[in-house]
Amino acid sequence: MEQQLKGTTICAVKKDGKIAIAGDGQVTFSQSIIFKSNAKKVRRIYNDKVVVGFAGTVADAFSLCEKFEEMLGKFSGNLMRSAVELAQLWRGDKILRNFEAMMIVADKDTLLILSGNGDVIEPQDDICAIGSGGNYALASAKALKENTNLDAKEIAYKSLKIASEICIFTNDNIIVEEV
């Protein structure tokens, strides 16, 4: 049986004209070993105009991130068009189809979730989360957005922090990028 390195929790929040994406730093090997605690799973691409967060198998996520940046270049930074083209390629390509990863992507206006099933989803309520701690982060972000005056960056950070206290595959080494 092949062992894989996996990246875990990403949360994104859009509020008051800002979009923040937060990710933890834990990379897990198999189900029982923390392989790395300070991985950077949220990064700026396309001349710092787009933020990408990824969860899943590390090599697959990096490959998809590179492909997405190629699409952004091909379509002059059009996030939606690049996302749809990547999703079509991801779903149709024999190798990419087997990738185990998901991505959250954002520019200054748009927030999307991309999956290998060919999904390009604009999240409900301008909040989304992926990865093993994604449901914890999502619930936290919804509660914080509805019941506090925190900004997008603070909500994304605190949601990841809460997820790290519940999910063993998520840590509190959190990176947040905002557009």
C-alpha atoms as a PDB file:
ATOM      1  CA  MET A   1       0.000   0.000   0.000  1.00  0.00           C
ATOM      2  CA  GLU A   2       1.372   3.403  -1.008  1.00  0.00           C
ATOM      3  CA  GLN A   3       1.855   5.974   1.754  1.00  0.00           C
ATOM      4  CA  GLN A   4       1.059   9.562   0.867  1.00  0.00           C
ATOM      5  CA  LEU A   5       1.820  12.958   2.321  1.00  0.00           C
ATOM      6  CA  LYS A   6      -1.371  14.921   2.797  1.00  0.00           C
ATOM      7  CA  GLY A   7      -2.091  18.564   3.428  1.00  0.00           C
ATOM      8  CA  THR A   8      -5.224  19.321   5.391  1.00  0.00           C
ATOM      9  CA  THR A   9      -7.248  22.425   6.260  1.00  0.00           C
ATOM     10  CA  ILE A  10      -7.980  25.613   4.298  1.00  0.00           C
ATOM     11  CA  CYS A  11     -10.673  28.221   5.087  1.00  0.00           C
ATOM     12  CA  ALA A  12     -11.688  31.293   3.086  1.00  0.00           C
ATOM     13  CA  VAL A  13     -13.907  34.229   3.985  1.00  0.00           C
ATOM     14  CA  LYS A  14     -15.181  37.129   1.896  1.00  0.00           C
ATOM     15  CA  LYS A  15     -16.372  40.139   3.863  1.00  0.00           C
ATOM     16  CA  ASP A  16     -16.525  43.894   3.293  1.00  0.00           C
ATOM     17  CA  GLY A  17     -14.751  43.735  -0.050  1.00  0.00           C
ATOM     18  CA  LYS A  18     -11.839  41.621   1.218  1.00  0.00           C
ATOM     19  CA  ILE A  19     -11.155  37.922   0.758  1.00  0.00           C
ATOM     20  CA  ALA A  20      -8.871  36.050   3.161  1.00  0.00           C
ATOM     21  CA  ILE A  21      -7.644  32.482   2.796  1.00  0.00           C
ATOM     22  CA  ALA A  22      -6.073  30.726   5.786  1.00  0.00           C
ATOM     23  CA  GLY A  23      -4.258  27.394   5.879  1.00  0.00           C
ATOM     24  CA  ASP A  24      -2.546  25.367   8.559  1.00  0.00           C
ATOM     25  CA  GLY A  25       0.989  24.032   8.257  1.00  0.00           C
ATOM     26  CA  GLN A  26       0.601  20.338   9.027  1.00  0.00           C
ATOM     27  CA  VAL A  27       1.550  17.639   6.549  1.00  0.00           C
ATOM     28  CA  THR A  28       0.548  14.170   7.670  1.00  0.00           C
ATOM     29  CA  PHE A  29       2.174  10.939   6.529  1.00  0.00           C
ATOM     30  CA  SER A  30      -0.273   8.032   6.637  1.00  0.00           C
ATOM     31  CA  GLN A  31      -2.745   8.379   9.495  1.00  0.00           C
ATOM     32  CA  SER A  32      -0.351   8.650  12.413  1.00  0.00           C
ATOM     33  CA  ILE A  33       2.765  10.703  11.649  1.00  0.00           C
ATOM     34  CA  ILE A  34       3.160  14.467  11.494  1.00  0.00           C
ATOM     35  CA  PHE A  35       5.737  14.743   8.732  1.00  0.00           C
ATOM     36  CA  LYS A  36       6.008  18.536   8.720  1.00  0.00           C
ATOM     37  CA  SER A  37       4.382  21.256  10.799  1.00  0.00           C
ATOM     38  CA  ASN A  38       5.236  24.416   8.847  1.00  0.00           C
ATOM     39  CA  ALA A  39       4.178  23.740   5.247  1.00  0.00           C
ATOM     40  CA  LYS A  40       2.887  26.710   3.268  1.00  0.00           C
ATOM     41  CA  LYS A  41      -0.438  25.645   1.717  1.00  0.00           C
ATOM     42  CA  VAL A  42      -1.674  29.149   1.000  1.00  0.00           C
ATOM     43  CA  ARG A  43       0.242  31.197  -1.538  1.00  0.00           C
ATOM     44  CA  ARG A  44       0.018  34.155  -3.843  1.00  0.00           C
ATOM     45  CA  ILE A  45       0.359  33.545  -7.575  1.00  0.00           C
ATOM     46  CA  TYR A  46      -0.078  35.487 -10.812  1.00  0.00           C
ATOM     47  CA  ASN A  47       1.859  38.589  -9.750  1.00  0.00           C
ATOM     48  CA  ASP A  48       0.327  38.420  -6.249  1.00  0.00           C
ATOM     49  CA  LYS A  49      -3.178  39.088  -7.643  1.00  0.00           C
ATOM     50  CA  VAL A  50      -4.541  35.602  -6.880  1.00  0.00           C
ATOM     51  CA  VAL A  51      -4.429  33.582  -3.664  1.00  0.00           C
ATOM     52  CA  VAL A  52      -4.591  29.795  -3.732  1.00  0.00           C
ATOM     53  CA  GLY A  53      -5.090  27.391  -0.835  1.00  0.00           C
ATOM     54  CA  PHE A  54      -4.893  23.643  -1.325  1.00  0.00           C
ATOM     55  CA  ALA A  55      -5.667  20.508   0.631  1.00  0.00           C
ATOM     56  CA  GLY A  56      -5.059  16.873  -0.192  1.00  0.00           C
ATOM     57  CA  THR A  57      -2.069  14.949  -1.419  1.00  0.00           C
ATOM     58  CA  VAL A  58       0.843  17.387  -1.474  1.00  0.00           C
ATOM     59  CA  ALA A  59       2.365  16.506  -4.851  1.00  0.00           C
ATOM     60  CA  ASP A  60      -1.058  16.587  -6.502  1.00  0.00           C
ATOM     61  CA  ALA A  61      -1.900  19.939  -4.943  1.00  0.00           C
ATOM     62  CA  PHE A  62       1.384  21.502  -6.085  1.00  0.00           C
ATOM     63  CA  SER A  63       0.874  20.200  -9.614  1.00  0.00           C
ATOM     64  CA  LEU A  64      -2.662  21.614  -9.738  1.00  0.00           C
ATOM     65  CA  CYS A  65      -1.478  24.951  -8.399  1.00  0.00           C
ATOM     66  CA  GLU A  66       1.103  25.137 -11.213  1.00  0.00           C
ATOM     67  CA  LYS A  67      -1.517  24.203 -13.821  1.00  0.00           C
ATOM     68  CA  PHE A  68      -3.876  26.843 -12.447  1.00  0.00           C
ATOM     69  CA  GLU A  69      -1.192  29.513 -12.677  1.00  0.00           C
ATOM     70  CA  GLU A  70      -0.583  28.469 -16.300  1.00  0.00           C
ATOM     71  CA  MET A  71      -4.310  28.913 -16.982  1.00  0.00           C
ATOM     72  CA  LEU A  72      -4.266  32.374 -15.387  1.00  0.00           C
ATOM     73  CA  GLY A  73      -1.446  33.324 -17.730  1.00  0.00           C
ATOM     74  CA  LYS A  74      -3.288  31.895 -20.722  1.00  0.00           C
ATOM     75  CA  PHE A  75      -6.514  33.772 -19.885  1.00  0.00           C
ATOM     76  CA  SER A  76      -4.983  37.084 -18.751  1.00  0.00           C
ATOM     77  CA  GLY A  77      -5.825  36.565 -15.068  1.00  0.00           C
ATOM     78  CA  ASN A  78      -9.526  35.812 -15.614  1.00  0.00           C
ATOM     79  CA  LEU A  79     -10.134  33.731 -12.478  1.00  0.00           C
ATOM     80  CA  MET A  80     -13.462  32.175 -13.473  1.00  0.00           C
ATOM     81  CA  ARG A  81     -12.341  31.219 -16.968  1.00  0.00           C
ATOM     82  CA  SER A  82      -9.056  29.811 -15.639  1.00  0.00           C
ATOM     83  CA  ALA A  83     -10.916  27.820 -12.973  1.00  0.00           C
ATOM     84  CA  VAL A  84     -13.371  26.336 -15.481  1.00  0.00           C
ATOM     85  CA  GLU A  85     -10.574  25.434 -17.897  1.00  0.00           C
ATOM     86  CA  LEU A  86      -8.558  23.796 -15.104  1.00  0.00           C
ATOM     87  CA  ALA A  87     -11.620  21.861 -13.914  1.00  0.00           C
ATOM     88  CA  GLN A  88     -12.260  20.594 -17.445  1.00  0.00           C
ATOM     89  CA  LEU A  89      -8.628  19.580 -17.847  1.00  0.00           C
ATOM     90  CA  TRP A  90      -8.563  18.032 -14.373  1.00  0.00           C
ATOM     91  CA  ARG A  91     -11.662  15.961 -15.054  1.00  0.00           C
ATOM     92  CA  GLY A  92     -10.709  14.924 -18.586  1.00  0.00           C
ATOM     93  CA  ASP A  93      -7.013  14.117 -18.249  1.00  0.00           C
ATOM     94  CA  LYS A  94      -6.242  10.480 -17.364  1.00  0.00           C
ATOM     95  CA  ILE A  95      -3.443  11.411 -14.972  1.00  0.00           C
ATOM     96  CA  LEU A  96      -4.945  14.543 -13.424  1.00  0.00           C
ATOM     97  CA  ARG A  97      -8.280  12.777 -12.899  1.00  0.00           C
ATOM     98  CA  ASN A  98      -6.658  10.632 -10.208  1.00  0.00           C
ATOM     99  CA  PHE A  99      -5.249  13.581  -8.262  1.00  0.00           C
ATOM    100  CA  GLU A 100      -6.400  13.740  -4.656  1.00  0.00           C
ATOM    101  CA  ALA A 101      -6.614  17.435  -3.929  1.00  0.00           C
ATOM    102  CA  MET A 102      -8.961  20.401  -3.759  1.00  0.00           C
ATOM    103  CA  MET A 103      -8.257  24.085  -4.094  1.00  0.00           C
ATOM    104  CA  ILE A 104      -9.754  27.358  -2.968  1.00  0.00           C
ATOM    105  CA  VAL A 105      -8.834  30.249  -5.250  1.00  0.00           C
ATOM    106  CA  ALA A 106      -9.568  33.958  -5.000  1.00  0.00           C
ATOM    107  CA  ASP A 107      -8.812  37.274  -6.577  1.00  0.00           C
ATOM    108  CA  LYS A 108     -10.052  40.668  -5.369  1.00  0.00           C
ATOM    109  CA  ASP A 109     -13.620  39.923  -6.515  1.00  0.00           C
ATOM    110  CA  THR A 110     -14.223  36.188  -6.689  1.00  0.00           C
ATOM    111  CA  LEU A 111     -13.935  33.203  -4.343  1.00  0.00           C
ATOM    112  CA  LEU A 112     -14.135  29.652  -5.759  1.00  0.00           C
ATOM    113  CA  ILE A 113     -13.703  26.020  -4.735  1.00  0.00           C
ATOM    114  CA  LEU A 114     -12.199  23.677  -7.361  1.00  0.00           C
ATOM    115  CA  SER A 115     -12.350  19.888  -7.252  1.00  0.00           C
ATOM    116  CA  GLY A 116     -11.258  16.990  -9.412  1.00  0.00           C
ATOM    117  CA  ASN A 117     -14.861  16.144 -10.181  1.00  0.00           C
ATOM    118  CA  GLY A 118     -14.938  19.177 -12.454  1.00  0.00           C
ATOM    119  CA  ASP A 119     -16.632  21.330  -9.851  1.00  0.00           C
ATOM    120  CA  VAL A 120     -16.177  25.095  -9.825  1.00  0.00           C
ATOM    121  CA  ILE A 121     -18.264  26.332  -6.918  1.00  0.00           C
ATOM    122  CA  GLU A 122     -18.947  29.840  -5.675  1.00  0.00           C
ATOM    123  CA  PRO A 123     -19.528  29.254  -1.964  1.00  0.00           C
ATOM    124  CA  GLN A 124     -22.765  30.121  -0.249  1.00  0.00           C
ATOM    125  CA  ASP A 125     -22.491  32.964   2.275  1.00  0.00           C
ATOM    126  CA  ASP A 126     -18.993  33.844   0.948  1.00  0.00           C
ATOM    127  CA  ILE A 127     -17.384  31.258   3.244  1.00  0.00           C
ATOM    128  CA  CYS A 128     -15.782  27.942   2.336  1.00  0.00           C
ATOM    129  CA  ALA A 129     -13.377  25.383   3.741  1.00  0.00           C
ATOM    130  CA  ILE A 130     -11.722  22.193   2.513  1.00  0.00           C
ATOM    131  CA  GLY A 131      -9.578  19.425   3.959  1.00  0.00           C
ATOM    132  CA  SER A 132      -9.867  17.192   6.983  1.00  0.00           C
ATOM    133  CA  GLY A 133     -10.615  20.060   9.353  1.00  0.00           C
ATOM    134  CA  GLY A 134     -12.712  21.898   6.789  1.00  0.00           C
ATOM    135  CA  ASN A 135     -16.086  21.304   8.411  1.00  0.00           C
ATOM    136  CA  TYR A 136     -14.819  22.587  11.776  1.00  0.00           C
ATOM    137  CA  ALA A 137     -13.335  25.687  10.126  1.00  0.00           C
ATOM    138  CA  LEU A 138     -16.491  26.252   8.067  1.00  0.00           C
ATOM    139  CA  ALA A 139     -18.775  26.094  11.096  1.00  0.00           C
ATOM    140  CA  SER A 140     -16.485  28.410  13.032  1.00  0.00           C
ATOM    141  CA  ALA A 141     -16.287  30.917  10.184  1.00  0.00           C
ATOM    142  CA  LYS A 142     -20.068  30.987   9.772  1.00  0.00           C
ATOM    143  CA  ALA A 143     -20.581  31.629  13.472  1.00  0.00           C
ATOM    144  CA  LEU A 144     -17.877  34.293  13.622  1.00  0.00           C
ATOM    145  CA  LYS A 145     -19.117  36.088  10.513  1.00  0.00           C
ATOM    146  CA  GLU A 146     -22.718  36.180  11.751  1.00  0.00           C
ATOM    147  CA  ASN A 147     -21.999  37.053  15.381  1.00  0.00           C
ATOM    148  CA  THR A 148     -18.923  39.290  15.474  1.00  0.00           C
ATOM    149  CA  ASN A 149     -17.513  42.399  13.834  1.00  0.00           C
ATOM    150  CA  LEU A 150     -14.245  40.664  12.914  1.00  0.00           C
ATOM    151  CA  ASP A 151     -12.863  41.265   9.432  1.00  0.00           C
ATOM    152  CA  ALA A 152     -12.290  38.534   6.829  1.00  0.00           C
ATOM    153  CA  LYS A 153      -8.648  37.956   7.807  1.00  0.00           C
ATOM    154  CA  GLU A 154      -9.462  37.613  11.524  1.00  0.00           C
ATOM    155  CA  ILE A 155     -12.372  35.263  10.850  1.00  0.00           C
ATOM    156  CA  ALA A 156     -10.272  33.004   8.579  1.00  0.00           C
ATOM    157  CA  TYR A 157      -7.450  32.900  11.149  1.00  0.00           C
ATOM    158  CA  LYS A 158      -9.677  32.218  14.157  1.00  0.00           C
ATOM    159  CA  SER A 159     -11.607  29.541  12.253  1.00  0.00           C
ATOM    160  CA  LEU A 160      -8.380  27.678  11.491  1.00  0.00           C
ATOM    161  CA  LYS A 161      -7.298  28.078  15.104  1.00  0.00           C
ATOM    162  CA  ILE A 162     -10.557  26.499  16.279  1.00  0.00           C
ATOM    163  CA  ALA A 163     -10.230  23.669  13.741  1.00  0.00           C
ATOM    164  CA  SER A 164      -6.679  23.007  15.001  1.00  0.00           C
ATOM    165  CA  GLU A 165      -8.052  22.463  18.497  1.00  0.00           C
ATOM    166  CA  ILE A 166     -10.499  19.805  17.245  1.00  0.00           C
ATOM    167  CA  CYS A 167      -8.949  18.082  14.211  1.00  0.00           C
ATOM    168  CA  ILE A 168      -5.784  16.022  14.762  1.00  0.00           C
ATOM    169  CA  PHE A 169      -4.781  16.579  11.107  1.00  0.00           C
ATOM    170  CA  THR A 170      -4.757  20.388  11.522  1.00  0.00           C
ATOM    171  CA  ASN A 171      -2.228  22.453  13.474  1.00  0.00           C
ATOM    172  CA  ASP A 172      -2.074  26.067  14.615  1.00  0.00           C
ATOM    173  CA  ASN A 173       0.838  27.107  12.404  1.00  0.00           C
ATOM    174  CA  ILE A 174      -1.496  29.288  10.337  1.00  0.00           C
ATOM    175  CA  ILE A 175      -0.789  31.407   7.274  1.00  0.00           C
ATOM    176  CA  VAL A 176      -3.376  33.927   6.072  1.00  0.00           C
ATOM    177  CA  GLU A 177      -3.273  35.781   2.761  1.00  0.00           C
ATOM    178  CA  GLU A 178      -5.756  38.514   1.879  1.00  0.00           C
ATOM    179  CA  VAL A 179      -6.798  40.068  -1.448  1.00  0.00           C
END
